[in-house]
Amino acid sequence: MAILFDSDVNWETCLQFGTRQFFREKACIYEQGTTGDGFYYIQKGLIKVKTTTSIGKDRLLNIAIPGQLLGIQAMDRQPHFTTATAVNDSILYFFYCEHFQKLIQFQPSILNMFIKTVIHKMHNLADKIYLDTLSPEQQLSTILLNICFDFKNHEIPLTQQDLTKCTGLTRITIYKILKQWKQKQIIKIQGRKFLIKKPDELKKLSAKVML
């Protein structure tokens, strides 16, 4: 699986600097408002990232999958502005802030990847803060495109059930949307993953986020 932004970082060799942590389904990994002290690497599982508005409404921002990083925006030991929850049983590695220098020395390209990741995630937050005000079709297109962008890969390792758990949309709604996309040859379902065949069609829907 491709690493963020086509980076040459081999995260499997970096795990020696982290602490292995297991999270059961629905367990909270970190909560909005709590102070960060490091970041996470997802080795296995799916993670739902959301933010809570000032009026107490939850908004889904992203679905993080294996190979991605979590919580790097709070590495300056400032409060998290999102909450991360395990969608299913997951294995993550936690890297304390003080270990970051060791990681950079071990693989210098990590620093550049972190900078690009932070910029991208901030854009995501700005673009998707109103994600749940969109139509279900727009929500799905935005989420899938985000995963494609992160991995420079049009294969999405998610099932319909995963999308149901993460988005809160009903199974029937997701089934109907995916069926329409399949008929239009926008996507192709291959076992437990989706192949995005026409990303430009999804971009047309996702672009409406900023309207």
C-alpha atoms as a PDB file:
ATOM      1  CA  MET A   1       0.000   0.000   0.000  1.00  0.00           C
ATOM      2  CA  ALA A   2       1.343   3.432  -0.926  1.00  0.00           C
ATOM      3  CA  ILE A   3       2.487   5.741   1.859  1.00  0.00           C
ATOM      4  CA  LEU A   4       1.239   9.314   2.226  1.00  0.00           C
ATOM      5  CA  PHE A   5       2.268  11.630  -0.607  1.00  0.00           C
ATOM      6  CA  ASP A   6       4.373   8.956  -2.319  1.00  0.00           C
ATOM      7  CA  SER A   7       6.870   9.174   0.532  1.00  0.00           C
ATOM      8  CA  ASP A   8       9.776   6.754   0.644  1.00  0.00           C
ATOM      9  CA  VAL A   9       9.338   6.336   4.407  1.00  0.00           C
ATOM     10  CA  ASN A  10       9.152   2.679   5.418  1.00  0.00           C
ATOM     11  CA  TRP A  11       7.049   2.946   8.556  1.00  0.00           C
ATOM     12  CA  GLU A  12       7.380  -0.731   9.413  1.00  0.00           C
ATOM     13  CA  THR A  13      11.071  -0.125  10.155  1.00  0.00           C
ATOM     14  CA  CYS A  14      10.152   2.834  12.381  1.00  0.00           C
ATOM     15  CA  LEU A  15       7.860   0.892  14.710  1.00  0.00           C
ATOM     16  CA  GLN A  16      10.802   0.177  17.028  1.00  0.00           C
ATOM     17  CA  PHE A  17      10.536   3.790  18.212  1.00  0.00           C
ATOM     18  CA  GLY A  18       6.828   3.528  19.009  1.00  0.00           C
ATOM     19  CA  THR A  19       4.581   1.780  21.529  1.00  0.00           C
ATOM     20  CA  ARG A  20       2.135  -0.825  20.246  1.00  0.00           C
ATOM     21  CA  GLN A  21      -1.443  -0.168  21.394  1.00  0.00           C
ATOM     22  CA  PHE A  22      -4.596  -2.201  20.826  1.00  0.00           C
ATOM     23  CA  PHE A  23      -8.007  -0.507  20.654  1.00  0.00           C
ATOM     24  CA  ARG A  24     -11.273  -2.411  20.632  1.00  0.00           C
ATOM     25  CA  GLU A  25     -14.189  -1.445  18.427  1.00  0.00           C
ATOM     26  CA  LYS A  26     -15.693   1.937  19.451  1.00  0.00           C
ATOM     27  CA  ALA A  27     -12.768   2.726  21.780  1.00  0.00           C
ATOM     28  CA  CYS A  28     -11.643   6.361  21.895  1.00  0.00           C
ATOM     29  CA  ILE A  29      -8.031   6.864  20.809  1.00  0.00           C
ATOM     30  CA  TYR A  30      -7.884  10.538  21.658  1.00  0.00           C
ATOM     31  CA  GLU A  31     -10.571  13.095  22.421  1.00  0.00           C
ATOM     32  CA  GLN A  32     -11.115  16.643  21.239  1.00  0.00           C
ATOM     33  CA  GLY A  33      -9.825  19.121  23.823  1.00  0.00           C
ATOM     34  CA  THR A  34      -7.282  16.783  25.410  1.00  0.00           C
ATOM     35  CA  THR A  35      -3.598  17.720  25.173  1.00  0.00           C
ATOM     36  CA  GLY A  36      -1.527  15.858  22.604  1.00  0.00           C
ATOM     37  CA  ASP A  37       1.861  14.332  23.404  1.00  0.00           C
ATOM     38  CA  GLY A  38       2.669  12.495  20.185  1.00  0.00           C
ATOM     39  CA  PHE A  39       1.124  10.868  17.134  1.00  0.00           C
ATOM     40  CA  TYR A  40      -0.172   7.483  15.994  1.00  0.00           C
ATOM     41  CA  TYR A  41       0.602   5.188  13.069  1.00  0.00           C
ATOM     42  CA  ILE A  42      -2.261   2.878  12.055  1.00  0.00           C
ATOM     43  CA  GLN A  43      -1.059  -0.666  11.442  1.00  0.00           C
ATOM     44  CA  LYS A  44      -4.459  -2.373  11.412  1.00  0.00           C
ATOM     45  CA  GLY A  45      -8.096  -1.287  11.563  1.00  0.00           C
ATOM     46  CA  LEU A  46     -10.233   1.722  10.646  1.00  0.00           C
ATOM     47  CA  ILE A  47     -10.383   4.984  12.565  1.00  0.00           C
ATOM     48  CA  LYS A  48     -13.211   7.524  12.424  1.00  0.00           C
ATOM     49  CA  VAL A  49     -12.123  11.143  12.898  1.00  0.00           C
ATOM     50  CA  LYS A  50     -14.743  13.705  13.891  1.00  0.00           C
ATOM     51  CA  THR A  51     -15.008  17.144  15.443  1.00  0.00           C
ATOM     52  CA  THR A  52     -17.677  18.562  17.739  1.00  0.00           C
ATOM     53  CA  THR A  53     -18.997  22.063  17.085  1.00  0.00           C
ATOM     54  CA  SER A  54     -19.646  24.730  19.710  1.00  0.00           C
ATOM     55  CA  ILE A  55     -23.311  23.701  19.789  1.00  0.00           C
ATOM     56  CA  GLY A  56     -22.393  20.075  20.472  1.00  0.00           C
ATOM     57  CA  LYS A  57     -22.991  18.632  16.999  1.00  0.00           C
ATOM     58  CA  ASP A  58     -20.598  15.923  15.781  1.00  0.00           C
ATOM     59  CA  ARG A  59     -19.226  16.215  12.243  1.00  0.00           C
ATOM     60  CA  LEU A  60     -17.373  13.417  10.468  1.00  0.00           C
ATOM     61  CA  LEU A  61     -14.112  14.639   8.923  1.00  0.00           C
ATOM     62  CA  ASN A  62     -12.291  11.561   7.737  1.00  0.00           C
ATOM     63  CA  ILE A  63     -11.886   7.791   7.768  1.00  0.00           C
ATOM     64  CA  ALA A  64      -8.271   6.814   8.445  1.00  0.00           C
ATOM     65  CA  ILE A  65      -6.990   3.450   7.219  1.00  0.00           C
ATOM     66  CA  PRO A  66      -3.814   1.354   7.753  1.00  0.00           C
ATOM     67  CA  GLY A  67      -0.640   3.179   6.800  1.00  0.00           C
ATOM     68  CA  GLN A  68      -1.949   6.607   7.794  1.00  0.00           C
ATOM     69  CA  LEU A  69      -0.986   8.852  10.718  1.00  0.00           C
ATOM     70  CA  LEU A  70      -3.234  10.322  13.412  1.00  0.00           C
ATOM     71  CA  GLY A  71      -2.945  13.217  15.825  1.00  0.00           C
ATOM     72  CA  ILE A  72       0.087  14.919  14.325  1.00  0.00           C
ATOM     73  CA  GLN A  73      -1.591  18.338  14.512  1.00  0.00           C
ATOM     74  CA  ALA A  74      -1.285  18.203  18.317  1.00  0.00           C
ATOM     75  CA  MET A  75       2.427  17.355  18.444  1.00  0.00           C
ATOM     76  CA  ASP A  76       3.127  20.844  19.786  1.00  0.00           C
ATOM     77  CA  ARG A  77       1.371  19.641  22.942  1.00  0.00           C
ATOM     78  CA  GLN A  78      -1.724  21.682  22.182  1.00  0.00           C
ATOM     79  CA  PRO A  79      -5.289  20.322  22.547  1.00  0.00           C
ATOM     80  CA  HIS A  80      -6.622  18.028  19.842  1.00  0.00           C
ATOM     81  CA  PHE A  81      -9.306  19.641  17.684  1.00  0.00           C
ATOM     82  CA  THR A  82     -10.708  16.254  16.653  1.00  0.00           C
ATOM     83  CA  THR A  83     -11.746  12.979  18.270  1.00  0.00           C
ATOM     84  CA  ALA A  84     -10.510   9.648  16.895  1.00  0.00           C
ATOM     85  CA  THR A  85     -12.505   6.451  17.501  1.00  0.00           C
ATOM     86  CA  ALA A  86     -11.801   2.869  16.430  1.00  0.00           C
ATOM     87  CA  VAL A  87     -14.433   1.626  13.970  1.00  0.00           C
ATOM     88  CA  ASN A  88     -13.277  -1.945  14.535  1.00  0.00           C
ATOM     89  CA  ASP A  89     -10.537  -3.694  16.546  1.00  0.00           C
ATOM     90  CA  SER A  90      -7.379  -1.785  15.647  1.00  0.00           C
ATOM     91  CA  ILE A  91      -3.629  -1.836  16.241  1.00  0.00           C
ATOM     92  CA  LEU A  92      -1.800   1.496  16.404  1.00  0.00           C
ATOM     93  CA  TYR A  93       1.734   2.541  17.316  1.00  0.00           C
ATOM     94  CA  PHE A  94       2.127   5.649  19.446  1.00  0.00           C
ATOM     95  CA  PHE A  95       5.206   7.854  19.046  1.00  0.00           C
ATOM     96  CA  TYR A  96       5.953  10.380  21.790  1.00  0.00           C
ATOM     97  CA  CYS A  97       6.996  13.883  20.771  1.00  0.00           C
ATOM     98  CA  GLU A  98      10.483  13.383  22.214  1.00  0.00           C
ATOM     99  CA  HIS A  99      11.002  10.417  19.867  1.00  0.00           C
ATOM    100  CA  PHE A 100      10.408  12.538  16.789  1.00  0.00           C
ATOM    101  CA  GLN A 101      14.059  13.642  16.581  1.00  0.00           C
ATOM    102  CA  LYS A 102      15.143   9.997  16.597  1.00  0.00           C
ATOM    103  CA  LEU A 103      12.730   9.271  13.773  1.00  0.00           C
ATOM    104  CA  ILE A 104      14.069  12.172  11.703  1.00  0.00           C
ATOM    105  CA  GLN A 105      17.635  10.973  12.216  1.00  0.00           C
ATOM    106  CA  PHE A 106      16.597   7.445  11.292  1.00  0.00           C
ATOM    107  CA  GLN A 107      14.647   8.551   8.191  1.00  0.00           C
ATOM    108  CA  PRO A 108      15.144  12.259   7.320  1.00  0.00           C
ATOM    109  CA  SER A 109      12.348  12.215   4.726  1.00  0.00           C
ATOM    110  CA  ILE A 110       9.837  11.936   7.585  1.00  0.00           C
ATOM    111  CA  LEU A 111      10.108  15.667   8.299  1.00  0.00           C
ATOM    112  CA  ASN A 112       9.037  16.682   4.798  1.00  0.00           C
ATOM    113  CA  MET A 113       6.194  14.165   4.886  1.00  0.00           C
ATOM    114  CA  PHE A 114       4.963  15.571   8.201  1.00  0.00           C
ATOM    115  CA  ILE A 115       4.891  19.120   6.877  1.00  0.00           C
ATOM    116  CA  LYS A 116       2.879  18.094   3.819  1.00  0.00           C
ATOM    117  CA  THR A 117       0.554  15.977   5.964  1.00  0.00           C
ATOM    118  CA  VAL A 118      -0.211  18.812   8.394  1.00  0.00           C
ATOM    119  CA  ILE A 119      -0.979  21.216   5.539  1.00  0.00           C
ATOM    120  CA  HIS A 120      -3.232  18.651   3.871  1.00  0.00           C
ATOM    121  CA  LYS A 121      -5.107  17.831   7.084  1.00  0.00           C
ATOM    122  CA  MET A 122      -5.725  21.505   7.816  1.00  0.00           C
ATOM    123  CA  HIS A 123      -7.197  21.917   4.341  1.00  0.00           C
ATOM    124  CA  ASN A 124      -9.369  18.867   4.997  1.00  0.00           C
ATOM    125  CA  LEU A 125     -10.678  20.390   8.208  1.00  0.00           C
ATOM    126  CA  ALA A 126     -11.550  23.641   6.486  1.00  0.00           C
ATOM    127  CA  ASP A 127     -13.170  21.931   3.500  1.00  0.00           C
ATOM    128  CA  LYS A 128     -15.121  19.275   5.379  1.00  0.00           C
ATOM    129  CA  ILE A 129     -16.269  20.991   8.534  1.00  0.00           C
ATOM    130  CA  TYR A 130     -19.776  20.982   7.075  1.00  0.00           C
ATOM    131  CA  LEU A 131     -19.548  17.504   5.592  1.00  0.00           C
ATOM    132  CA  ASP A 132     -22.696  16.196   7.232  1.00  0.00           C
ATOM    133  CA  THR A 133     -24.740  19.078   5.818  1.00  0.00           C
ATOM    134  CA  LEU A 134     -24.167  17.632   2.340  1.00  0.00           C
ATOM    135  CA  SER A 135     -26.190  14.983   0.579  1.00  0.00           C
ATOM    136  CA  PRO A 136     -25.206  11.352   1.313  1.00  0.00           C
ATOM    137  CA  GLU A 137     -23.732  11.063  -2.206  1.00  0.00           C
ATOM    138  CA  GLN A 138     -21.561  14.136  -1.643  1.00  0.00           C
ATOM    139  CA  GLN A 139     -20.416  12.818   1.735  1.00  0.00           C
ATOM    140  CA  LEU A 140     -19.300   9.484   0.288  1.00  0.00           C
ATOM    141  CA  SER A 141     -17.542  11.070  -2.686  1.00  0.00           C
ATOM    142  CA  THR A 142     -15.641  13.484  -0.435  1.00  0.00           C
ATOM    143  CA  ILE A 143     -14.511  10.770   1.979  1.00  0.00           C
ATOM    144  CA  LEU A 144     -13.380   8.361  -0.754  1.00  0.00           C
ATOM    145  CA  LEU A 145     -11.489  11.088  -2.595  1.00  0.00           C
ATOM    146  CA  ASN A 146      -9.696  12.041   0.613  1.00  0.00           C
ATOM    147  CA  ILE A 147      -8.414   8.485   1.004  1.00  0.00           C
ATOM    148  CA  CYS A 148      -7.349   8.422  -2.657  1.00  0.00           C
ATOM    149  CA  PHE A 149      -5.406  11.655  -2.187  1.00  0.00           C
ATOM    150  CA  ASP A 150      -3.619  10.441   0.923  1.00  0.00           C
ATOM    151  CA  PHE A 151      -2.410   7.257  -0.722  1.00  0.00           C
ATOM    152  CA  LYS A 152      -2.098   8.318  -4.361  1.00  0.00           C
ATOM    153  CA  ASN A 153      -4.045   5.142  -4.974  1.00  0.00           C
ATOM    154  CA  HIS A 154      -7.535   4.581  -6.392  1.00  0.00           C
ATOM    155  CA  GLU A 155      -8.027   1.313  -4.512  1.00  0.00           C
ATOM    156  CA  ILE A 156     -10.022   1.909  -1.319  1.00  0.00           C
ATOM    157  CA  PRO A 157      -9.743  -0.934   1.242  1.00  0.00           C
ATOM    158  CA  LEU A 158     -13.241  -0.465   2.663  1.00  0.00           C
ATOM    159  CA  THR A 159     -16.449  -2.487   2.516  1.00  0.00           C
ATOM    160  CA  GLN A 160     -20.033  -1.237   2.433  1.00  0.00           C
ATOM    161  CA  GLN A 161     -20.314  -2.223   6.088  1.00  0.00           C
ATOM    162  CA  ASP A 162     -17.227  -0.131   6.924  1.00  0.00           C
ATOM    163  CA  LEU A 163     -18.766   2.891   5.229  1.00  0.00           C
ATOM    164  CA  THR A 164     -22.008   2.372   7.155  1.00  0.00           C
ATOM    165  CA  LYS A 165     -20.179   2.306  10.504  1.00  0.00           C
ATOM    166  CA  CYS A 166     -18.041   5.318   9.696  1.00  0.00           C
ATOM    167  CA  THR A 167     -20.554   7.664   8.102  1.00  0.00           C
ATOM    168  CA  GLY A 168     -23.694   6.867  10.056  1.00  0.00           C
ATOM    169  CA  LEU A 169     -25.592   6.520   6.784  1.00  0.00           C
ATOM    170  CA  THR A 170     -27.911   3.537   6.484  1.00  0.00           C
ATOM    171  CA  ARG A 171     -26.856   0.383   4.651  1.00  0.00           C
ATOM    172  CA  ILE A 172     -29.687   0.907   2.157  1.00  0.00           C
ATOM    173  CA  THR A 173     -28.535   4.470   1.380  1.00  0.00           C
ATOM    174  CA  ILE A 174     -24.934   3.397   0.816  1.00  0.00           C
ATOM    175  CA  TYR A 175     -26.034   0.383  -1.227  1.00  0.00           C
ATOM    176  CA  LYS A 176     -28.139   2.584  -3.531  1.00  0.00           C
ATOM    177  CA  ILE A 177     -25.359   5.134  -4.027  1.00  0.00           C
ATOM    178  CA  LEU A 178     -22.713   2.509  -4.753  1.00  0.00           C
ATOM    179  CA  LYS A 179     -25.081   0.683  -7.094  1.00  0.00           C
ATOM    180  CA  GLN A 180     -25.613   3.894  -9.080  1.00  0.00           C
ATOM    181  CA  TRP A 181     -21.873   4.564  -9.192  1.00  0.00           C
ATOM    182  CA  LYS A 182     -21.237   1.013 -10.325  1.00  0.00           C
ATOM    183  CA  GLN A 183     -23.813   1.317 -13.122  1.00  0.00           C
ATOM    184  CA  LYS A 184     -22.158   4.547 -14.248  1.00  0.00           C
ATOM    185  CA  GLN A 185     -18.779   2.777 -14.073  1.00  0.00           C
ATOM    186  CA  ILE A 186     -17.514   5.342 -11.565  1.00  0.00           C
ATOM    187  CA  ILE A 187     -16.409   2.548  -9.241  1.00  0.00           C
ATOM    188  CA  LYS A 188     -15.789  -1.171  -9.373  1.00  0.00           C
ATOM    189  CA  ILE A 189     -16.311  -3.389  -6.331  1.00  0.00           C
ATOM    190  CA  GLN A 190     -13.545  -5.967  -5.895  1.00  0.00           C
ATOM    191  CA  GLY A 191     -14.080  -8.146  -2.827  1.00  0.00           C
ATOM    192  CA  ARG A 192     -13.415  -6.021   0.256  1.00  0.00           C
ATOM    193  CA  LYS A 193     -12.301  -2.910  -1.611  1.00  0.00           C
ATOM    194  CA  PHE A 194     -13.450  -0.317  -4.142  1.00  0.00           C
ATOM    195  CA  LEU A 195     -11.614   0.671  -7.288  1.00  0.00           C
ATOM    196  CA  ILE A 196     -12.265   4.296  -8.274  1.00  0.00           C
ATOM    197  CA  LYS A 197     -12.419   4.173 -12.083  1.00  0.00           C
ATOM    198  CA  LYS A 198     -13.618   7.734 -12.705  1.00  0.00           C
ATOM    199  CA  PRO A 199     -12.261   9.979  -9.914  1.00  0.00           C
ATOM    200  CA  ASP A 200     -13.196  13.093 -11.903  1.00  0.00           C
ATOM    201  CA  GLU A 201     -16.865  12.194 -11.543  1.00  0.00           C
ATOM    202  CA  LEU A 202     -16.486  12.026  -7.764  1.00  0.00           C
ATOM    203  CA  LYS A 203     -14.598  15.340  -7.814  1.00  0.00           C
ATOM    204  CA  LYS A 204     -17.600  17.006  -9.427  1.00  0.00           C
ATOM    205  CA  LEU A 205     -19.695  15.998  -6.425  1.00  0.00           C
ATOM    206  CA  SER A 206     -16.992  16.735  -3.860  1.00  0.00           C
ATOM    207  CA  ALA A 207     -16.364  20.201  -5.307  1.00  0.00           C
ATOM    208  CA  LYS A 208     -19.804  21.254  -4.078  1.00  0.00           C
ATOM    209  CA  VAL A 209     -18.452  21.154  -0.519  1.00  0.00           C
ATOM    210  CA  MET A 210     -17.133  24.673  -0.943  1.00  0.00           C
ATOM    211  CA  LEU A 211     -20.341  26.128  -2.412  1.00  0.00           C
END
